[in-house]
PDB file of N, CA and C in Angstrom:
ATOM      1  N   MET A   1      26.194  15.831   8.458  1.00  0.00           N
ATOM      2  CA  MET A   1      26.106  14.602   7.699  1.00  0.00           C
ATOM      3  C   MET A   1      26.228  14.896   6.202  1.00  0.00           C
ATOM      4  N   ALA A   2      25.599  15.978   5.746  1.00  0.00           N
ATOM      5  CA  ALA A   2      25.657  16.320   4.328  1.00  0.00           C
ATOM      6  C   ALA A   2      27.076  16.703   3.916  1.00  0.00           C
ATOM      7  N   GLN A   3      27.778  17.397   4.806  1.00  0.00           N
ATOM      8  CA  GLN A   3      29.160  17.769   4.492  1.00  0.00           C
ATOM      9  C   GLN A   3      30.049  16.534   4.405  1.00  0.00           C
ATOM     10  N   PHE A   4      29.810  15.564   5.293  1.00  0.00           N
ATOM     11  CA  PHE A   4      30.582  14.323   5.258  1.00  0.00           C
ATOM     12  C   PHE A   4      30.309  13.557   3.966  1.00  0.00           C
ATOM     13  N   ALA A   5      29.042  13.469   3.580  1.00  0.00           N
ATOM     14  CA  ALA A   5      28.687  12.769   2.344  1.00  0.00           C
ATOM     15  C   ALA A   5      29.308  13.457   1.131  1.00  0.00           C
ATOM     16  N   LEU A   6      29.306  14.786   1.126  1.00  0.00           N
ATOM     17  CA  LEU A   6      29.918  15.528   0.024  1.00  0.00           C
ATOM     18  C   LEU A   6      31.420  15.287  -0.018  1.00  0.00           C
ATOM     19  N   LEU A   7      32.064  15.280   1.142  1.00  0.00           N
ATOM     20  CA  LEU A   7      33.496  15.017   1.203  1.00  0.00           C
ATOM     21  C   LEU A   7      33.826  13.619   0.700  1.00  0.00           C
ATOM     22  N   VAL A   8      33.024  12.629   1.092  1.00  0.00           N
ATOM     23  CA  VAL A   8      33.248  11.261   0.629  1.00  0.00           C
ATOM     24  C   VAL A   8      33.057  11.168  -0.877  1.00  0.00           C
ATOM     25  N   ALA A   9      32.034  11.837  -1.402  1.00  0.00           N
ATOM     26  CA  ALA A   9      31.780  11.796  -2.845  1.00  0.00           C
ATOM     27  C   ALA A   9      32.918  12.429  -3.628  1.00  0.00           C
ATOM     28  N   ILE A  10      33.393  13.577  -3.178  1.00  0.00           N
ATOM     29  CA  ILE A  10      34.499  14.247  -3.877  1.00  0.00           C
ATOM     30  C   ILE A  10      35.767  13.414  -3.787  1.00  0.00           C
ATOM     31  N   ASN A  11      36.021  12.855  -2.605  1.00  0.00           N
ATOM     32  CA  ASN A  11      37.199  12.008  -2.431  1.00  0.00           C
ATOM     33  C   ASN A  11      37.128  10.782  -3.339  1.00  0.00           C
ATOM     34  N   ALA A  12      35.948  10.171  -3.425  1.00  0.00           N
ATOM     35  CA  ALA A  12      35.799   8.995  -4.279  1.00  0.00           C
ATOM     36  C   ALA A  12      35.969   9.359  -5.747  1.00  0.00           C
ATOM     37  N   LEU A  13      35.417  10.495  -6.145  1.00  0.00           N
ATOM     38  CA  LEU A  13      35.512  10.904  -7.539  1.00  0.00           C
ATOM     39  C   LEU A  13      36.948  11.214  -7.930  1.00  0.00           C
ATOM     40  N   VAL A  14      37.591  12.081  -7.184  1.00  0.00           N
ATOM     41  CA  VAL A  14      38.957  12.485  -7.529  1.00  0.00           C
ATOM     42  C   VAL A  14      39.933  11.349  -7.288  1.00  0.00           C
ATOM     43  N   GLY A  15      39.878  10.760  -6.109  1.00  0.00           N
ATOM     44  CA  GLY A  15      40.804   9.671  -5.791  1.00  0.00           C
ATOM     45  C   GLY A  15      40.587   8.464  -6.680  1.00  0.00           C
ATOM     46  N   GLY A  16      39.326   8.162  -6.965  1.00  0.00           N
ATOM     47  CA  GLY A  16      39.035   7.020  -7.832  1.00  0.00           C
ATOM     48  C   GLY A  16      39.530   7.237  -9.245  1.00  0.00           C
ATOM     49  N   MET A  17      39.332   8.426  -9.778  1.00  0.00           N
ATOM     50  CA  MET A  17      39.778   8.696 -11.147  1.00  0.00           C
ATOM     51  C   MET A  17      41.293   8.666 -11.245  1.00  0.00           C
ATOM     52  N   VAL A  18      41.964   9.287 -10.294  1.00  0.00           N
ATOM     53  CA  VAL A  18      43.425   9.308 -10.339  1.00  0.00           C
ATOM     54  C   VAL A  18      43.974   7.910 -10.108  1.00  0.00           C
ATOM     55  N   GLY A  19      43.432   7.211  -9.109  1.00  0.00           N
ATOM     56  CA  GLY A  19      43.930   5.883  -8.782  1.00  0.00           C
ATOM     57  C   GLY A  19      43.669   4.864  -9.877  1.00  0.00           C
ATOM     58  N   GLN A  20      42.467   4.864 -10.431  1.00  0.00           N
ATOM     59  CA  GLN A  20      42.125   3.877 -11.441  1.00  0.00           C
ATOM     60  C   GLN A  20      42.813   4.143 -12.774  1.00  0.00           C
ATOM     61  N   GLN A  21      43.142   5.390 -13.022  1.00  0.00           N
ATOM     62  CA  GLN A  21      43.818   5.727 -14.265  1.00  0.00           C
ATOM     63  C   GLN A  21      45.227   5.152 -14.285  1.00  0.00           C
ATOM     64  N   GLN A  22      45.794   4.899 -13.117  1.00  0.00           N
ATOM     65  CA  GLN A  22      47.157   4.403 -13.019  1.00  0.00           C
ATOM     66  C   GLN A  22      47.223   2.874 -12.943  1.00  0.00           C
ATOM     67  N   THR A  23      46.092   2.188 -13.012  1.00  0.00           N
ATOM     68  CA  THR A  23      46.095   0.731 -12.908  1.00  0.00           C
ATOM     69  C   THR A  23      45.839   0.101 -14.272  1.00  0.00           C
ATOM     70  N   VAL A  24      45.818  -1.205 -14.277  1.00  0.00           N
ATOM     71  CA  VAL A  24      45.580  -1.945 -15.509  1.00  0.00           C
ATOM     72  C   VAL A  24      44.078  -2.116 -15.785  1.00  0.00           C
ATOM     73  N   LEU A  25      43.226  -1.763 -14.816  1.00  0.00           N
ATOM     74  CA  LEU A  25      41.790  -1.969 -14.989  1.00  0.00           C
ATOM     75  C   LEU A  25      41.190  -1.222 -16.187  1.00  0.00           C
ATOM     76  N   PRO A  26      41.545   0.050 -16.450  1.00  0.00           N
ATOM     77  CA  PRO A  26      40.991   0.694 -17.646  1.00  0.00           C
ATOM     78  C   PRO A  26      41.389  -0.024 -18.938  1.00  0.00           C
ATOM     79  N   LEU A  27      42.614  -0.536 -18.997  1.00  0.00           N
ATOM     80  CA  LEU A  27      43.046  -1.278 -20.180  1.00  0.00           C
ATOM     81  C   LEU A  27      42.226  -2.550 -20.344  1.00  0.00           C
ATOM     82  N   LEU A  28      41.991  -3.267 -19.248  1.00  0.00           N
ATOM     83  CA  LEU A  28      41.160  -4.468 -19.310  1.00  0.00           C
ATOM     84  C   LEU A  28      39.722  -4.132 -19.704  1.00  0.00           C
ATOM     85  N   ALA A  29      39.181  -3.044 -19.162  1.00  0.00           N
ATOM     86  CA  ALA A  29      37.815  -2.647 -19.494  1.00  0.00           C
ATOM     87  C   ALA A  29      37.690  -2.319 -20.973  1.00  0.00           C
ATOM     88  N   GLU A  30      38.729  -1.718 -21.532  1.00  0.00           N
ATOM     89  CA  GLU A  30      38.683  -1.355 -22.944  1.00  0.00           C
ATOM     90  C   GLU A  30      38.816  -2.578 -23.837  1.00  0.00           C
ATOM     91  N   THR A  31      39.741  -3.472 -23.510  1.00  0.00           N
ATOM     92  CA  THR A  31      39.965  -4.629 -24.378  1.00  0.00           C
ATOM     93  C   THR A  31      38.882  -5.678 -24.227  1.00  0.00           C
ATOM     94  N   GLU A  32      38.395  -5.901 -23.008  1.00  0.00           N
ATOM     95  CA  GLU A  32      37.425  -6.972 -22.780  1.00  0.00           C
ATOM     96  C   GLU A  32      35.981  -6.541 -22.996  1.00  0.00           C
ATOM     97  N   PHE A  33      35.655  -5.301 -22.612  1.00  0.00           N
ATOM     98  CA  PHE A  33      34.263  -4.869 -22.656  1.00  0.00           C
ATOM     99  C   PHE A  33      34.010  -3.718 -23.611  1.00  0.00           C
ATOM    100  N   GLY A  34      35.038  -3.209 -24.246  1.00  0.00           N
ATOM    101  CA  GLY A  34      34.872  -2.120 -25.187  1.00  0.00           C
ATOM    102  C   GLY A  34      34.592  -0.782 -24.521  1.00  0.00           C
ATOM    103  N   LEU A  35      34.884  -0.658 -23.237  1.00  0.00           N
ATOM    104  CA  LEU A  35      34.665   0.597 -22.530  1.00  0.00           C
ATOM    105  C   LEU A  35      35.921   1.450 -22.604  1.00  0.00           C
ATOM    106  N   THR A  36      35.726   2.735 -22.764  1.00  0.00           N
ATOM    107  CA  THR A  36      36.896   3.617 -22.697  1.00  0.00           C
ATOM    108  C   THR A  36      37.316   3.730 -21.243  1.00  0.00           C
ATOM    109  N   GLY A  37      38.525   4.189 -21.037  1.00  0.00           N
ATOM    110  CA  GLY A  37      39.041   4.294 -19.679  1.00  0.00           C
ATOM    111  C   GLY A  37      38.193   5.179 -18.785  1.00  0.00           C
ATOM    112  N   TYR A  38      37.744   6.319 -19.312  1.00  0.00           N
ATOM    113  CA  TYR A  38      36.970   7.235 -18.491  1.00  0.00           C
ATOM    114  C   TYR A  38      35.568   6.710 -18.228  1.00  0.00           C
ATOM    115  N   THR A  39      34.976   5.979 -19.151  1.00  0.00           N
ATOM    116  CA  THR A  39      33.677   5.369 -18.905  1.00  0.00           C
ATOM    117  C   THR A  39      33.779   4.359 -17.783  1.00  0.00           C
ATOM    118  N   PHE A  40      34.836   3.560 -17.802  1.00  0.00           N
ATOM    119  CA  PHE A  40      35.042   2.579 -16.749  1.00  0.00           C
ATOM    120  C   PHE A  40      35.233   3.274 -15.407  1.00  0.00           C
ATOM    121  N   ILE A  41      36.035   4.319 -15.385  1.00  0.00           N
ATOM    122  CA  ILE A  41      36.305   5.024 -14.130  1.00  0.00           C
ATOM    123  C   ILE A  41      35.019   5.634 -13.584  1.00  0.00           C
ATOM    124  N   PHE A  42      34.209   6.240 -14.457  1.00  0.00           N
ATOM    125  CA  PHE A  42      32.955   6.831 -14.009  1.00  0.00           C
ATOM    126  C   PHE A  42      32.031   5.765 -13.435  1.00  0.00           C
ATOM    127  N   THR A  43      31.938   4.616 -14.099  1.00  0.00           N
ATOM    128  CA  THR A  43      31.094   3.522 -13.612  1.00  0.00           C
ATOM    129  C   THR A  43      31.589   3.021 -12.262  1.00  0.00           C
ATOM    130  N   TYR A  44      32.881   2.866 -12.139  1.00  0.00           N
ATOM    131  CA  TYR A  44      33.475   2.402 -10.891  1.00  0.00           C
ATOM    132  C   TYR A  44      33.192   3.388  -9.756  1.00  0.00           C
ATOM    133  N   VAL A  45      33.382   4.668 -10.007  1.00  0.00           N
ATOM    134  CA  VAL A  45      33.164   5.681  -8.983  1.00  0.00           C
ATOM    135  C   VAL A  45      31.685   5.765  -8.622  1.00  0.00           C
ATOM    136  N   ALA A  46      30.797   5.635  -9.597  1.00  0.00           N
ATOM    137  CA  ALA A  46      29.364   5.660  -9.307  1.00  0.00           C
ATOM    138  C   ALA A  46      28.966   4.478  -8.432  1.00  0.00           C
ATOM    139  N   ALA A  47      29.490   3.296  -8.738  1.00  0.00           N
ATOM    140  CA  ALA A  47      29.191   2.122  -7.917  1.00  0.00           C
ATOM    141  C   ALA A  47      29.738   2.305  -6.504  1.00  0.00           C
ATOM    142  N   PHE A  48      30.924   2.886  -6.381  1.00  0.00           N
ATOM    143  CA  PHE A  48      31.505   3.144  -5.079  1.00  0.00           C
ATOM    144  C   PHE A  48      30.647   4.125  -4.294  1.00  0.00           C
ATOM    145  N   GLY A  49      30.145   5.145  -4.977  1.00  0.00           N
ATOM    146  CA  GLY A  49      29.289   6.124  -4.315  1.00  0.00           C
ATOM    147  C   GLY A  49      27.984   5.513  -3.830  1.00  0.00           C
ATOM    148  N   ILE A  50      27.415   4.605  -4.608  1.00  0.00           N
ATOM    149  CA  ILE A  50      26.173   3.941  -4.199  1.00  0.00           C
ATOM    150  C   ILE A  50      26.410   3.095  -2.957  1.00  0.00           C
ATOM    151  N   THR A  51      27.521   2.359  -2.933  1.00  0.00           N
ATOM    152  CA  THR A  51      27.797   1.537  -1.756  1.00  0.00           C
ATOM    153  C   THR A  51      28.063   2.407  -0.530  1.00  0.00           C
ATOM    154  N   LYS A  52      28.679   3.556  -0.720  1.00  0.00           N
ATOM    155  CA  LYS A  52      28.882   4.469   0.407  1.00  0.00           C
ATOM    156  C   LYS A  52      27.548   5.017   0.900  1.00  0.00           C
ATOM    157  N   ALA A  53      26.630   5.294  -0.010  1.00  0.00           N
ATOM    158  CA  ALA A  53      25.314   5.790   0.389  1.00  0.00           C
ATOM    159  C   ALA A  53      24.567   4.735   1.182  1.00  0.00           C
ATOM    160  N   ILE A  54      24.703   3.469   0.787  1.00  0.00           N
ATOM    161  CA  ILE A  54      24.057   2.388   1.532  1.00  0.00           C
ATOM    162  C   ILE A  54      24.649   2.293   2.933  1.00  0.00           C
ATOM    163  N   ALA A  55      25.968   2.418   3.050  1.00  0.00           N
ATOM    164  CA  ALA A  55      26.612   2.370   4.364  1.00  0.00           C
ATOM    165  C   ALA A  55      26.164   3.548   5.219  1.00  0.00           C
ATOM    166  N   ASN A  56      26.023   4.753   4.619  1.00  0.00           N
ATOM    167  CA  ASN A  56      25.528   5.901   5.393  1.00  0.00           C
ATOM    168  C   ASN A  56      24.101   5.677   5.850  1.00  0.00           C
ATOM    169  N   TRP A  57      23.281   4.986   5.029  1.00  0.00           N
ATOM    170  CA  TRP A  57      21.915   4.661   5.405  1.00  0.00           C
ATOM    171  C   TRP A  57      21.914   3.731   6.615  1.00  0.00           C
ATOM    172  N   ARG A  58      22.819   2.754   6.610  1.00  0.00           N
ATOM    173  CA  ARG A  58      22.953   1.842   7.743  1.00  0.00           C
ATOM    174  C   ARG A  58      23.386   2.608   8.989  1.00  0.00           C
ATOM    175  N   ASP A  59      24.336   3.504   8.835  1.00  0.00           N
ATOM    176  CA  ASP A  59      24.811   4.297   9.967  1.00  0.00           C
ATOM    177  C   ASP A  59      23.708   5.189  10.521  1.00  0.00           C
ATOM    178  N   LEU A  60      22.834   5.671   9.646  1.00  0.00           N
ATOM    179  CA  LEU A  60      21.707   6.480  10.090  1.00  0.00           C
ATOM    180  C   LEU A  60      20.791   5.653  10.984  1.00  0.00           C
ATOM    181  N   GLY A  61      20.692   4.365  10.698  1.00  0.00           N
ATOM    182  CA  GLY A  61      19.888   3.475  11.540  1.00  0.00           C
ATOM    183  C   GLY A  61      20.402   3.402  12.963  1.00  0.00           C
ATOM    184  N   TYR A  62      21.723   3.439  13.127  1.00  0.00           N
ATOM    185  CA  TYR A  62      22.289   3.446  14.478  1.00  0.00           C
ATOM    186  C   TYR A  62      21.854   4.694  15.239  1.00  0.00           C
ATOM    187  N   ALA A  63      21.920   5.832  14.574  1.00  0.00           N
ATOM    188  CA  ALA A  63      21.552   7.089  15.228  1.00  0.00           C
ATOM    189  C   ALA A  63      20.063   7.128  15.559  1.00  0.00           C
ATOM    190  N   VAL A  64      19.232   6.729  14.600  1.00  0.00           N
ATOM    191  CA  VAL A  64      17.785   6.733  14.831  1.00  0.00           C
ATOM    192  C   VAL A  64      17.428   5.732  15.931  1.00  0.00           C
ATOM    193  N   GLY A  65      18.086   4.578  15.938  1.00  0.00           N
ATOM    194  CA  GLY A  65      17.835   3.591  16.985  1.00  0.00           C
ATOM    195  C   GLY A  65      18.187   4.114  18.364  1.00  0.00           C
ATOM    196  N   ALA A  66      19.283   4.843  18.461  1.00  0.00           N
ATOM    197  CA  ALA A  66      19.665   5.411  19.752  1.00  0.00           C
ATOM    198  C   ALA A  66      18.653   6.463  20.213  1.00  0.00           C
ATOM    199  N   ILE A  67      18.192   7.287  19.274  1.00  0.00           N
ATOM    200  CA  ILE A  67      17.202   8.312  19.635  1.00  0.00           C
ATOM    201  C   ILE A  67      15.887   7.660  20.047  1.00  0.00           C
ATOM    202  N   LEU A  68      15.432   6.674  19.272  1.00  0.00           N
ATOM    203  CA  LEU A  68      14.192   5.979  19.633  1.00  0.00           C
ATOM    204  C   LEU A  68      14.338   5.244  20.953  1.00  0.00           C
ATOM    205  N   GLY A  69      15.515   4.683  21.206  1.00  0.00           N
ATOM    206  CA  GLY A  69      15.746   4.016  22.483  1.00  0.00           C
ATOM    207  C   GLY A  69      15.639   4.978  23.651  1.00  0.00           C
ATOM    208  N   GLY A  70      16.089   6.207  23.444  1.00  0.00           N
ATOM    209  CA  GLY A  70      15.971   7.201  24.500  1.00  0.00           C
ATOM    210  C   GLY A  70      14.554   7.695  24.690  1.00  0.00           C
ATOM    211  N   ILE A  71      13.796   7.760  23.608  1.00  0.00           N
ATOM    212  CA  ILE A  71      12.420   8.268  23.693  1.00  0.00           C
ATOM    213  C   ILE A  71      11.454   7.181  24.143  1.00  0.00           C
ATOM    214  N   MET A  72      11.487   6.029  23.467  1.00  0.00           N
ATOM    215  CA  MET A  72      10.513   4.967  23.701  1.00  0.00           C
ATOM    216  C   MET A  72      10.960   3.964  24.755  1.00  0.00           C
ATOM    217  N   GLY A  73      12.217   3.951  25.051  1.00  0.00           N
ATOM    218  CA  GLY A  73      12.751   2.903  25.916  1.00  0.00           C
ATOM    219  C   GLY A  73      13.417   1.859  25.042  1.00  0.00           C
ATOM    220  N   LEU A  74      14.408   1.203  25.589  1.00  0.00           N
ATOM    221  CA  LEU A  74      15.195   0.251  24.807  1.00  0.00           C
ATOM    222  C   LEU A  74      14.364  -0.935  24.335  1.00  0.00           C
ATOM    223  N   HIS A  75      13.498  -1.440  25.190  1.00  0.00           N
ATOM    224  CA  HIS A  75      12.684  -2.604  24.832  1.00  0.00           C
ATOM    225  C   HIS A  75      11.786  -2.295  23.631  1.00  0.00           C
ATOM    226  N   ALA A  76      11.117  -1.158  23.650  1.00  0.00           N
ATOM    227  CA  ALA A  76      10.228  -0.785  22.541  1.00  0.00           C
ATOM    228  C   ALA A  76      11.019  -0.497  21.274  1.00  0.00           C
ATOM    229  N   ALA A  77      12.213   0.095  21.399  1.00  0.00           N
ATOM    230  CA  ALA A  77      13.028   0.394  20.223  1.00  0.00           C
ATOM    231  C   ALA A  77      13.498  -0.891  19.547  1.00  0.00           C
ATOM    232  N   VAL A  78      13.841  -1.907  20.337  1.00  0.00           N
ATOM    233  CA  VAL A  78      14.253  -3.197  19.759  1.00  0.00           C
ATOM    234  C   VAL A  78      13.087  -3.834  19.021  1.00  0.00           C
ATOM    235  N   TRP A  79      11.887  -3.764  19.581  1.00  0.00           N
ATOM    236  CA  TRP A  79      10.719  -4.319  18.894  1.00  0.00           C
ATOM    237  C   TRP A  79      10.392  -3.539  17.626  1.00  0.00           C
ATOM    238  N   ALA A  80      10.571  -2.225  17.665  1.00  0.00           N
ATOM    239  CA  ALA A  80      10.348  -1.416  16.459  1.00  0.00           C
ATOM    240  C   ALA A  80      11.350  -1.783  15.373  1.00  0.00           C
ATOM    241  N   ALA A  81      12.610  -1.990  15.759  1.00  0.00           N
ATOM    242  CA  ALA A  81      13.625  -2.395  14.777  1.00  0.00           C
ATOM    243  C   ALA A  81      13.311  -3.772  14.212  1.00  0.00           C
ATOM    244  N   ALA A  82      12.842  -4.681  15.059  1.00  0.00           N
ATOM    245  CA  ALA A  82      12.474  -6.012  14.588  1.00  0.00           C
ATOM    246  C   ALA A  82      11.293  -5.938  13.621  1.00  0.00           C
ATOM    247  N   ALA A  83      10.331  -5.065  13.904  1.00  0.00           N
ATOM    248  CA  ALA A  83       9.177  -4.920  13.022  1.00  0.00           C
ATOM    249  C   ALA A  83       9.588  -4.348  11.667  1.00  0.00           C
ATOM    250  N   VAL A  84      10.470  -3.349  11.667  1.00  0.00           N
ATOM    251  CA  VAL A  84      10.940  -2.768  10.401  1.00  0.00           C
ATOM    252  C   VAL A  84      11.729  -3.804   9.608  1.00  0.00           C
ATOM    253  N   SER A  85      12.559  -4.589  10.288  1.00  0.00           N
ATOM    254  CA  SER A  85      13.330  -5.644   9.607  1.00  0.00           C
ATOM    255  C   SER A  85      12.408  -6.706   9.018  1.00  0.00           C
ATOM    256  N   ALA A  86      11.397  -7.117   9.776  1.00  0.00           N
ATOM    257  CA  ALA A  86      10.453  -8.119   9.283  1.00  0.00           C
ATOM    258  C   ALA A  86       9.657  -7.583   8.101  1.00  0.00           C
ATOM    259  N   LEU A  87       9.263  -6.321   8.178  1.00  0.00           N
ATOM    260  CA  LEU A  87       8.512  -5.714   7.072  1.00  0.00           C
ATOM    261  C   LEU A  87       9.366  -5.650   5.812  1.00  0.00           C
ATOM    262  N   SER A  88      10.635  -5.261   5.954  1.00  0.00           N
ATOM    263  CA  SER A  88      11.494  -5.196   4.771  1.00  0.00           C
ATOM    264  C   SER A  88      11.759  -6.596   4.210  1.00  0.00           C
ATOM    265  N   ALA A  89      11.878  -7.599   5.071  1.00  0.00           N
ATOM    266  CA  ALA A  89      12.049  -8.973   4.598  1.00  0.00           C
ATOM    267  C   ALA A  89      10.801  -9.448   3.859  1.00  0.00           C
ATOM    268  N   LEU A  90       9.628  -9.064   4.343  1.00  0.00           N
ATOM    269  CA  LEU A  90       8.383  -9.433   3.670  1.00  0.00           C
ATOM    270  C   LEU A  90       8.289  -8.777   2.292  1.00  0.00           C
ATOM    271  N   VAL A  91       8.685  -7.513   2.202  1.00  0.00           N
ATOM    272  CA  VAL A  91       8.682  -6.821   0.906  1.00  0.00           C
ATOM    273  C   VAL A  91       9.616  -7.530  -0.071  1.00  0.00           C
ATOM    274  N   VAL A  92      10.800  -7.910   0.394  1.00  0.00           N
ATOM    275  CA  VAL A  92      11.743  -8.625  -0.471  1.00  0.00           C
ATOM    276  C   VAL A  92      11.160  -9.966  -0.894  1.00  0.00           C
ATOM    277  N   ALA A  93      10.552 -10.696   0.032  1.00  0.00           N
ATOM    278  CA  ALA A  93       9.991 -12.003  -0.289  1.00  0.00           C
ATOM    279  C   ALA A  93       8.865 -11.911  -1.317  1.00  0.00           C
ATOM    280  N   VAL A  94       8.076 -10.841  -1.252  1.00  0.00           N
ATOM    281  CA  VAL A  94       6.950 -10.696  -2.169  1.00  0.00           C
ATOM    282  C   VAL A  94       7.391 -10.146  -3.518  1.00  0.00           C
ATOM    283  N   ARG A  95       8.299  -9.181  -3.518  1.00  0.00           N
ATOM    284  CA  ARG A  95       8.651  -8.470  -4.742  1.00  0.00           C
ATOM    285  C   ARG A  95       9.772  -9.114  -5.550  1.00  0.00           C
ATOM    286  N   MET A  96      10.652  -9.882  -4.898  1.00  0.00           N
ATOM    287  CA  MET A  96      11.805 -10.450  -5.607  1.00  0.00           C
ATOM    288  C   MET A  96      11.609 -11.950  -5.801  1.00  0.00           C
ATOM    289  N   TYR A  97      12.085 -12.445  -6.909  1.00  0.00           N
ATOM    290  CA  TYR A  97      11.980 -13.866  -7.194  1.00  0.00           C
ATOM    291  C   TYR A  97      13.200 -14.298  -7.995  1.00  0.00           C
ATOM    292  N   GLU A  98      13.450 -15.592  -7.991  1.00  0.00           N
ATOM    293  CA  GLU A  98      14.596 -16.149  -8.701  1.00  0.00           C
ATOM    294  C   GLU A  98      14.307 -16.166 -10.197  1.00  0.00           C
ATOM    295  N   THR A  99      15.254 -15.697 -10.998  1.00  0.00           N
ATOM    296  CA  THR A  99      15.061 -15.656 -12.444  1.00  0.00           C
ATOM    297  C   THR A  99      15.780 -16.787 -13.167  1.00  0.00           C
ATOM    298  N   HIS A 100      16.706 -17.434 -12.501  1.00  0.00           N
ATOM    299  CA  HIS A 100      17.453 -18.520 -13.130  1.00  0.00           C
ATOM    300  C   HIS A 100      16.808 -19.860 -12.807  1.00  0.00           C
ATOM    301  N   GLN A 101      16.755 -20.724 -13.810  1.00  0.00           N
ATOM    302  CA  GLN A 101      16.263 -22.076 -13.584  1.00  0.00           C
ATOM    303  C   GLN A 101      17.352 -22.885 -12.895  1.00  0.00           C
ATOM    304  N   PRO A 102      16.980 -23.765 -11.971  1.00  0.00           N
ATOM    305  CA  PRO A 102      18.007 -24.577 -11.320  1.00  0.00           C
ATOM    306  C   PRO A 102      18.659 -25.534 -12.313  1.00  0.00           C
ATOM    307  N   ALA A 103      19.927 -25.778 -12.107  1.00  0.00           N
ATOM    308  CA  ALA A 103      20.653 -26.697 -12.978  1.00  0.00           C
ATOM    309  C   ALA A 103      20.173 -28.123 -12.716  1.00  0.00           C
ATOM    310  N   PRO A 104      20.095 -28.931 -13.779  1.00  0.00           N
ATOM    311  CA  PRO A 104      19.666 -30.319 -13.566  1.00  0.00           C
ATOM    312  C   PRO A 104      20.713 -31.074 -12.749  1.00  0.00           C
ATOM    313  N   ILE A 105      20.220 -31.978 -11.926  1.00  0.00           N
ATOM    314  CA  ILE A 105      21.122 -32.773 -11.094  1.00  0.00           C
ATOM    315  C   ILE A 105      21.570 -33.991 -11.891  1.00  0.00           C
ATOM    316  N   THR A 106      22.855 -34.134 -12.034  1.00  0.00           N
ATOM    317  CA  THR A 106      23.399 -35.281 -12.763  1.00  0.00           C
ATOM    318  C   THR A 106      24.120 -36.197 -11.781  1.00  0.00           C
ATOM    319  N   PRO A 107      23.938 -37.500 -11.924  1.00  0.00           N
ATOM    320  CA  PRO A 107      24.602 -38.418 -10.998  1.00  0.00           C
ATOM    321  C   PRO A 107      26.105 -38.469 -11.276  1.00  0.00           C
ATOM    322  N   HIS A 108      26.862 -38.654 -10.220  1.00  0.00           N
ATOM    323  CA  HIS A 108      28.313 -38.786 -10.380  1.00  0.00           C
ATOM    324  C   HIS A 108      28.644 -40.215 -10.757  1.00  0.00           C
ATOM    325  N   ARG A 109      29.651 -40.409 -11.597  1.00  0.00           N
ATOM    326  CA  ARG A 109      30.050 -41.765 -11.990  1.00  0.00           C
ATOM    327  C   ARG A 109      31.363 -42.112 -11.418  1.00  0.00           C
TER     328      ARG A 109
END
């Protein structure tokens, strides 16, 4: 798994830098946001790497679920997954909140 993650990271870094350098995105990043081309490419590759790490985390859940299903039985593994999902939803509900005020409702004429 570590070798795969390293391969994905290197591929994203090299491929992302070469690919993005040949597009119009670095020019737009420089003119619109004041970012140099390499700063934009680094930010893009870092964001890509984070999303890949999240996907690997999800994939790890499949493997752990299969192992738990074999050890505990499928019924217990499904309940364990439901409990972990409910716990994570509760953490999100308690820790995260909306920061934007709702827009006022205006009647249509």
